[in-house]
Amino acid sequence: LKETKKMLKLKGEQYENSRNKVLELQEKIINSQHVEEASDHRPFLQKAFDKIFGFPTGRKFRERRSKWRR
């Protein structure tokens, strides 16, 4: 029982660390997109963000893609 509690605590800590890293990366992606100068990496970062957070295709993706091409 003690080992199971220890494992659960460790898994919880790993989850929190992973979640914090994802949130940090999300902030970096969002901040890099708010920079006025155009970046060659912006479409890639937006696609990666969409893939992770749920907009890989569809209307919202097409709207963003059309904004990149302007």
Protein backbone atom coordinates (compact mmCIF):
# COMPACT_ATOMS: atom_id res chain seq x y z
CA LEU A 1 0.00 0.00 0.00
CA LYS A 2 2.84 2.39 0.83
CA GLU A 3 4.54 1.59 -2.48
CA THR A 4 1.31 2.24 -4.36
CA LYS A 5 0.88 5.61 -2.63
CA LYS A 6 4.49 6.47 -3.44
CA MET A 7 3.95 5.50 -7.11
CA LEU A 8 0.76 7.57 -7.30
CA LYS A 9 2.54 10.56 -5.80
CA LEU A 10 5.39 10.18 -8.30
CA LYS A 11 2.95 9.88 -11.22
CA GLY A 12 1.11 12.97 -9.97
CA GLU A 13 4.37 14.92 -9.87
CA GLN A 14 5.29 13.73 -13.36
CA TYR A 15 1.85 14.78 -14.61
CA GLU A 16 2.22 18.25 -13.05
CA ASN A 17 5.71 18.68 -14.53
CA SER A 18 4.50 17.64 -17.98
CA ARG A 19 1.47 19.88 -17.72
CA ASN A 20 3.60 22.85 -16.67
CA LYS A 21 5.98 22.27 -19.59
CA VAL A 22 3.06 22.13 -22.03
CA LEU A 23 1.66 25.36 -20.61
CA GLU A 24 5.08 27.04 -20.88
CA LEU A 25 5.40 25.95 -24.50
CA GLN A 26 1.87 27.14 -25.20
CA GLU A 27 2.77 30.57 -23.76
CA LYS A 28 5.94 30.70 -25.87
CA ILE A 29 3.98 29.83 -29.01
CA ILE A 30 1.30 32.41 -28.29
CA ASN A 31 3.89 35.08 -27.42
CA SER A 32 5.90 34.38 -30.56
CA GLN A 33 2.76 34.82 -32.64
CA HIS A 34 2.01 38.19 -31.11
CA VAL A 35 5.34 39.58 -32.28
CA GLU A 36 4.60 41.94 -35.16
CA GLU A 37 7.47 40.92 -37.43
CA ALA A 38 6.72 37.90 -39.59
CA SER A 39 8.48 34.72 -38.59
CA ASP A 40 9.23 31.80 -40.89
CA HIS A 41 8.38 29.46 -38.01
CA ARG A 42 4.94 30.88 -37.34
CA PRO A 43 2.94 28.50 -39.58
CA PHE A 44 4.82 25.52 -38.19
CA LEU A 45 4.23 26.63 -34.60
CA GLN A 46 0.55 27.29 -35.28
CA LYS A 47 0.16 23.85 -36.86
CA ALA A 48 1.92 22.25 -33.89
CA PHE A 49 -0.30 24.16 -31.48
CA ASP A 50 -3.40 23.12 -33.44
CA LYS A 51 -2.30 19.50 -33.49
CA ILE A 52 -1.74 19.46 -29.72
CA PHE A 53 -4.78 21.48 -28.72
CA GLY A 54 -7.38 20.22 -31.16
CA PHE A 55 -7.66 22.23 -34.39
CA PRO A 56 -5.70 20.10 -36.90
CA THR A 57 -8.20 20.73 -39.72
CA GLY A 58 -11.45 22.48 -40.33
CA ARG A 59 -12.78 26.01 -40.54
CA LYS A 60 -10.60 27.58 -37.86
CA PHE A 61 -7.46 26.08 -39.36
CA ARG A 62 -8.38 27.35 -42.82
CA GLU A 63 -9.08 30.83 -41.46
CA ARG A 64 -5.66 30.94 -39.78
CA ARG A 65 -3.94 29.58 -42.86
CA SER A 66 -5.49 32.29 -45.02
CA LYS A 67 -4.17 34.92 -42.56
CA TRP A 68 -0.61 33.55 -42.87
CA ARG A 69 -0.64 33.92 -46.64
CA ARG A 70 -1.53 37.61 -46.54
